Amino acid sequence: MSCLHLRSASTTLFERLHRTIVVLSGAFRPVAQRARRTLSDRIATMWQTFRQFTSHLRRR
């Protein structure tokens, strides 16, 4: 009987941990998406600058 009680307690602990992880991931998801967008924009800007520079060098 005590084995069932321990299993129940561990299940409750796991469910609480799972809910906490879900809440935290929901809170950090917008931050990660914004960071990904910012990084993508910066890479696009750097790539455009690089292409303009190489184009300028070819025209010389």
PDB file of N, CA and C in Angstrom:
ATOM      1  N   MET A   1       0.816  -1.198   0.000  1.00  0.00           N
ATOM      2  CA  MET A   1       0.000   0.000   0.000  1.00  0.00           C
ATOM      3  C   MET A   1       0.858   1.259   0.000  1.00  0.00           C
ATOM      4  N   SER A   2       1.964   1.243   0.741  1.00  0.00           N
ATOM      5  CA  SER A   2       2.815   2.429   0.774  1.00  0.00           C
ATOM      6  C   SER A   2       3.460   2.667  -0.590  1.00  0.00           C
ATOM      7  N   CYS A   3       3.680   1.598  -1.342  1.00  0.00           N
ATOM      8  CA  CYS A   3       4.235   1.734  -2.687  1.00  0.00           C
ATOM      9  C   CYS A   3       3.288   2.550  -3.571  1.00  0.00           C
ATOM     10  N   LEU A   4       1.996   2.300  -3.458  1.00  0.00           N
ATOM     11  CA  LEU A   4       1.023   3.069  -4.227  1.00  0.00           C
ATOM     12  C   LEU A   4       1.023   4.534  -3.802  1.00  0.00           C
ATOM     13  N   HIS A   5       1.186   4.764  -2.508  1.00  0.00           N
ATOM     14  CA  HIS A   5       1.213   6.134  -2.003  1.00  0.00           C
ATOM     15  C   HIS A   5       2.428   6.889  -2.549  1.00  0.00           C
ATOM     16  N   LEU A   6       3.591   6.231  -2.556  1.00  0.00           N
ATOM     17  CA  LEU A   6       4.801   6.872  -3.083  1.00  0.00           C
ATOM     18  C   LEU A   6       4.652   7.158  -4.577  1.00  0.00           C
ATOM     19  N   ARG A   7       4.049   6.219  -5.273  1.00  0.00           N
ATOM     20  CA  ARG A   7       3.847   6.420  -6.703  1.00  0.00           C
ATOM     21  C   ARG A   7       2.916   7.604  -6.949  1.00  0.00           C
ATOM     22  N   SER A   8       1.896   7.704  -6.158  1.00  0.00           N
ATOM     23  CA  SER A   8       0.954   8.801  -6.288  1.00  0.00           C
ATOM     24  C   SER A   8       1.639  10.138  -6.001  1.00  0.00           C
ATOM     25  N   ALA A   9       2.491  10.162  -4.982  1.00  0.00           N
ATOM     26  CA  ALA A   9       3.204  11.392  -4.632  1.00  0.00           C
ATOM     27  C   ALA A   9       4.171  11.782  -5.748  1.00  0.00           C
ATOM     28  N   SER A  10       4.858  10.796  -6.314  1.00  0.00           N
ATOM     29  CA  SER A  10       5.795  11.116  -7.392  1.00  0.00           C
ATOM     30  C   SER A  10       5.049  11.579  -8.639  1.00  0.00           C
ATOM     31  N   THR A  11       3.875  11.003  -8.879  1.00  0.00           N
ATOM     32  CA  THR A  11       3.060  11.435 -10.016  1.00  0.00           C
ATOM     33  C   THR A  11       2.607  12.877  -9.826  1.00  0.00           C
ATOM     34  N   THR A  12       2.195  13.209  -8.608  1.00  0.00           N
ATOM     35  CA  THR A  12       1.785  14.579  -8.307  1.00  0.00           C
ATOM     36  C   THR A  12       2.949  15.539  -8.494  1.00  0.00           C
ATOM     37  N   LEU A  13       4.128  15.127  -8.028  1.00  0.00           N
ATOM     38  CA  LEU A  13       5.319  15.960  -8.178  1.00  0.00           C
ATOM     39  C   LEU A  13       5.645  16.164  -9.655  1.00  0.00           C
ATOM     40  N   PHE A  14       5.556  15.088 -10.435  1.00  0.00           N
ATOM     41  CA  PHE A  14       5.821  15.189 -11.867  1.00  0.00           C
ATOM     42  C   PHE A  14       4.824  16.120 -12.550  1.00  0.00           C
ATOM     43  N   GLU A  15       3.553  16.005 -12.196  1.00  0.00           N
ATOM     44  CA  GLU A  15       2.536  16.867 -12.801  1.00  0.00           C
ATOM     45  C   GLU A  15       2.780  18.327 -12.454  1.00  0.00           C
ATOM     46  N   ARG A  16       3.176  18.598 -11.224  1.00  0.00           N
ATOM     47  CA  ARG A  16       3.473  19.972 -10.816  1.00  0.00           C
ATOM     48  C   ARG A  16       4.676  20.513 -11.588  1.00  0.00           C
ATOM     49  N   LEU A  17       5.710  19.678 -11.723  1.00  0.00           N
ATOM     50  CA  LEU A  17       6.892  20.081 -12.489  1.00  0.00           C
ATOM     51  C   LEU A  17       6.521  20.343 -13.948  1.00  0.00           C
ATOM     52  N   HIS A  18       5.698  19.467 -14.515  1.00  0.00           N
ATOM     53  CA  HIS A  18       5.278  19.630 -15.909  1.00  0.00           C
ATOM     54  C   HIS A  18       4.508  20.940 -16.102  1.00  0.00           C
ATOM     55  N   ARG A  19       3.587  21.240 -15.195  1.00  0.00           N
ATOM     56  CA  ARG A  19       2.823  22.494 -15.296  1.00  0.00           C
ATOM     57  C   ARG A  19       3.745  23.702 -15.202  1.00  0.00           C
ATOM     58  N   THR A  20       4.737  23.638 -14.307  1.00  0.00           N
ATOM     59  CA  THR A  20       5.686  24.747 -14.162  1.00  0.00           C
ATOM     60  C   THR A  20       6.483  24.940 -15.446  1.00  0.00           C
ATOM     61  N   ILE A  21       6.933  23.849 -16.035  1.00  0.00           N
ATOM     62  CA  ILE A  21       7.702  23.935 -17.284  1.00  0.00           C
ATOM     63  C   ILE A  21       6.848  24.520 -18.404  1.00  0.00           C
ATOM     64  N   VAL A  22       5.595  24.111 -18.483  1.00  0.00           N
ATOM     65  CA  VAL A  22       4.693  24.629 -19.518  1.00  0.00           C
ATOM     66  C   VAL A  22       4.490  26.131 -19.343  1.00  0.00           C
ATOM     67  N   VAL A  23       4.301  26.573 -18.107  1.00  0.00           N
ATOM     68  CA  VAL A  23       4.106  28.007 -17.846  1.00  0.00           C
ATOM     69  C   VAL A  23       5.362  28.786 -18.205  1.00  0.00           C
ATOM     70  N   LEU A  24       6.527  28.285 -17.791  1.00  0.00           N
ATOM     71  CA  LEU A  24       7.779  28.989 -18.087  1.00  0.00           C
ATOM     72  C   LEU A  24       8.061  29.030 -19.585  1.00  0.00           C
ATOM     73  N   SER A  25       7.827  27.929 -20.277  1.00  0.00           N
ATOM     74  CA  SER A  25       8.083  27.929 -21.721  1.00  0.00           C
ATOM     75  C   SER A  25       7.138  28.889 -22.430  1.00  0.00           C
ATOM     76  N   GLY A  26       5.907  28.989 -21.943  1.00  0.00           N
ATOM     77  CA  GLY A  26       4.969  29.950 -22.519  1.00  0.00           C
ATOM     78  C   GLY A  26       5.408  31.381 -22.287  1.00  0.00           C
ATOM     79  N   ALA A  27       6.046  31.627 -21.143  1.00  0.00           N
ATOM     80  CA  ALA A  27       6.513  32.978 -20.834  1.00  0.00           C
ATOM     81  C   ALA A  27       7.735  33.345 -21.667  1.00  0.00           C
ATOM     82  N   PHE A  28       8.616  32.380 -21.930  1.00  0.00           N
ATOM     83  CA  PHE A  28       9.852  32.679 -22.652  1.00  0.00           C
ATOM     84  C   PHE A  28       9.723  32.561 -24.161  1.00  0.00           C
ATOM     85  N   ARG A  29       8.663  31.961 -24.652  1.00  0.00           N
ATOM     86  CA  ARG A  29       8.500  31.777 -26.097  1.00  0.00           C
ATOM     87  C   ARG A  29       8.509  33.104 -26.861  1.00  0.00           C
ATOM     88  N   PRO A  30       7.758  34.141 -26.427  1.00  0.00           N
ATOM     89  CA  PRO A  30       7.799  35.408 -27.164  1.00  0.00           C
ATOM     90  C   PRO A  30       9.192  36.038 -27.176  1.00  0.00           C
ATOM     91  N   VAL A  31       9.931  35.887 -26.088  1.00  0.00           N
ATOM     92  CA  VAL A  31      11.292  36.433 -26.022  1.00  0.00           C
ATOM     93  C   VAL A  31      12.174  35.735 -27.053  1.00  0.00           C
ATOM     94  N   ALA A  32      12.071  34.422 -27.130  1.00  0.00           N
ATOM     95  CA  ALA A  32      12.873  33.661 -28.087  1.00  0.00           C
ATOM     96  C   ALA A  32      12.489  34.005 -29.523  1.00  0.00           C
ATOM     97  N   GLN A  33      11.203  34.171 -29.781  1.00  0.00           N
ATOM     98  CA  GLN A  33      10.763  34.518 -31.135  1.00  0.00           C
ATOM     99  C   GLN A  33      11.269  35.895 -31.535  1.00  0.00           C
ATOM    100  N   ARG A  34      11.220  36.851 -30.600  1.00  0.00           N
ATOM    101  CA  ARG A  34      11.709  38.194 -30.896  1.00  0.00           C
ATOM    102  C   ARG A  34      13.215  38.170 -31.146  1.00  0.00           C
ATOM    103  N   ALA A  35      13.951  37.404 -30.341  1.00  0.00           N
ATOM    104  CA  ALA A  35      15.400  37.298 -30.528  1.00  0.00           C
ATOM    105  C   ALA A  35      15.724  36.664 -31.876  1.00  0.00           C
ATOM    106  N   ARG A  36      14.976  35.646 -32.255  1.00  0.00           N
ATOM    107  CA  ARG A  36      15.200  34.983 -33.542  1.00  0.00           C
ATOM    108  C   ARG A  36      14.937  35.943 -34.694  1.00  0.00           C
ATOM    109  N   ARG A  37      13.859  36.737 -34.582  1.00  0.00           N
ATOM    110  CA  ARG A  37      13.532  37.716 -35.621  1.00  0.00           C
ATOM    111  C   ARG A  37      14.622  38.780 -35.718  1.00  0.00           C
ATOM    112  N   THR A  38      15.090  39.270 -34.571  1.00  0.00           N
ATOM    113  CA  THR A  38      16.135  40.290 -34.560  1.00  0.00           C
ATOM    114  C   THR A  38      17.411  39.752 -35.186  1.00  0.00           C
ATOM    115  N   LEU A  39      17.786  38.532 -34.817  1.00  0.00           N
ATOM    116  CA  LEU A  39      18.984  37.928 -35.381  1.00  0.00           C
ATOM    117  C   LEU A  39      18.840  37.752 -36.889  1.00  0.00           C
ATOM    118  N   SER A  40      17.688  37.299 -37.319  1.00  0.00           N
ATOM    119  CA  SER A  40      17.442  37.112 -38.745  1.00  0.00           C
ATOM    120  C   SER A  40      17.539  38.442 -39.493  1.00  0.00           C
ATOM    121  N   ASP A  41      16.975  39.501 -38.917  1.00  0.00           N
ATOM    122  CA  ASP A  41      17.050  40.827 -39.544  1.00  0.00           C
ATOM    123  C   ASP A  41      18.490  41.314 -39.635  1.00  0.00           C
ATOM    124  N   ARG A  42      19.257  41.097 -38.584  1.00  0.00           N
ATOM    125  CA  ARG A  42      20.662  41.541 -38.602  1.00  0.00           C
ATOM    126  C   ARG A  42      21.480  40.769 -39.625  1.00  0.00           C
ATOM    127  N   ILE A  43      21.226  39.480 -39.727  1.00  0.00           N
ATOM    128  CA  ILE A  43      21.939  38.681 -40.730  1.00  0.00           C
ATOM    129  C   ILE A  43      21.578  39.157 -42.132  1.00  0.00           C
ATOM    130  N   ALA A  44      20.308  39.447 -42.369  1.00  0.00           N
ATOM    131  CA  ALA A  44      19.878  39.937 -43.683  1.00  0.00           C
ATOM    132  C   ALA A  44      20.542  41.273 -44.002  1.00  0.00           C
ATOM    133  N   THR A  45      20.634  42.152 -43.010  1.00  0.00           N
ATOM    134  CA  THR A  45      21.279  43.452 -43.214  1.00  0.00           C
ATOM    135  C   THR A  45      22.761  43.284 -43.514  1.00  0.00           C
ATOM    136  N   MET A  46      23.429  42.410 -42.758  1.00  0.00           N
ATOM    137  CA  MET A  46      24.857  42.175 -43.000  1.00  0.00           C
ATOM    138  C   MET A  46      25.080  41.582 -44.385  1.00  0.00           C
ATOM    139  N   TRP A  47      24.213  40.661 -44.796  1.00  0.00           N
ATOM    140  CA  TRP A  47      24.342  40.031 -46.108  1.00  0.00           C
ATOM    141  C   TRP A  47      24.155  41.064 -47.217  1.00  0.00           C
ATOM    142  N   GLN A  48      23.189  41.952 -47.045  1.00  0.00           N
ATOM    143  CA  GLN A  48      22.955  42.996 -48.035  1.00  0.00           C
ATOM    144  C   GLN A  48      24.165  43.931 -48.118  1.00  0.00           C
ATOM    145  N   THR A  49      24.733  44.297 -46.976  1.00  0.00           N
ATOM    146  CA  THR A  49      25.922  45.151 -46.959  1.00  0.00           C
ATOM    147  C   THR A  49      27.083  44.457 -47.649  1.00  0.00           C
ATOM    148  N   PHE A  50      27.267  43.179 -47.382  1.00  0.00           N
ATOM    149  CA  PHE A  50      28.337  42.415 -48.009  1.00  0.00           C
ATOM    150  C   PHE A  50      28.159  42.369 -49.525  1.00  0.00           C
ATOM    151  N   ARG A  51      26.931  42.144 -49.976  1.00  0.00           N
ATOM    152  CA  ARG A  51      26.680  42.094 -51.421  1.00  0.00           C
ATOM    153  C   ARG A  51      26.941  43.444 -52.077  1.00  0.00           C
ATOM    154  N   GLN A  52      26.544  44.529 -51.414  1.00  0.00           N
ATOM    155  CA  GLN A  52      26.806  45.863 -51.954  1.00  0.00           C
ATOM    156  C   GLN A  52      28.305  46.124 -52.035  1.00  0.00           C
ATOM    157  N   PHE A  53      29.035  45.701 -51.004  1.00  0.00           N
ATOM    158  CA  PHE A  53      30.478  45.912 -50.977  1.00  0.00           C
ATOM    159  C   PHE A  53      31.161  45.126 -52.092  1.00  0.00           C
ATOM    160  N   THR A  54      30.783  43.854 -52.261  1.00  0.00           N
ATOM    161  CA  THR A  54      31.403  43.057 -53.321  1.00  0.00           C
ATOM    162  C   THR A  54      31.020  43.591 -54.699  1.00  0.00           C
ATOM    163  N   SER A  55      29.806  44.083 -54.836  1.00  0.00           N
ATOM    164  CA  SER A  55      29.386  44.678 -56.099  1.00  0.00           C
ATOM    165  C   SER A  55      30.207  45.931 -56.386  1.00  0.00           C
ATOM    166  N   HIS A  56      30.457  46.710 -55.356  1.00  0.00           N
ATOM    167  CA  HIS A  56      31.259  47.925 -55.500  1.00  0.00           C
ATOM    168  C   HIS A  56      32.688  47.569 -55.912  1.00  0.00           C
ATOM    169  N   LEU A  57      33.243  46.507 -55.332  1.00  0.00           N
ATOM    170  CA  LEU A  57      34.605  46.097 -55.676  1.00  0.00           C
ATOM    171  C   LEU A  57      34.693  45.605 -57.113  1.00  0.00           C
ATOM    172  N   ARG A  58      33.656  44.947 -57.602  1.00  0.00           N
ATOM    173  CA  ARG A  58      33.671  44.436 -58.977  1.00  0.00           C
ATOM    174  C   ARG A  58      33.618  45.567 -59.996  1.00  0.00           C
ATOM    175  N   ARG A  59      32.961  46.662 -59.628  1.00  0.00           N
ATOM    176  CA  ARG A  59      32.830  47.784 -60.562  1.00  0.00           C
ATOM    177  C   ARG A  59      34.136  48.544 -60.732  1.00  0.00           C
ATOM    178  N   ARG A  60      35.061  48.370 -59.839  1.00  0.00           N
ATOM    179  CA  ARG A  60      36.331  49.122 -59.927  1.00  0.00           C
ATOM    180  C   ARG A  60      37.167  48.694 -61.063  1.00  0.00           C
TER     181      ARG A  60
END
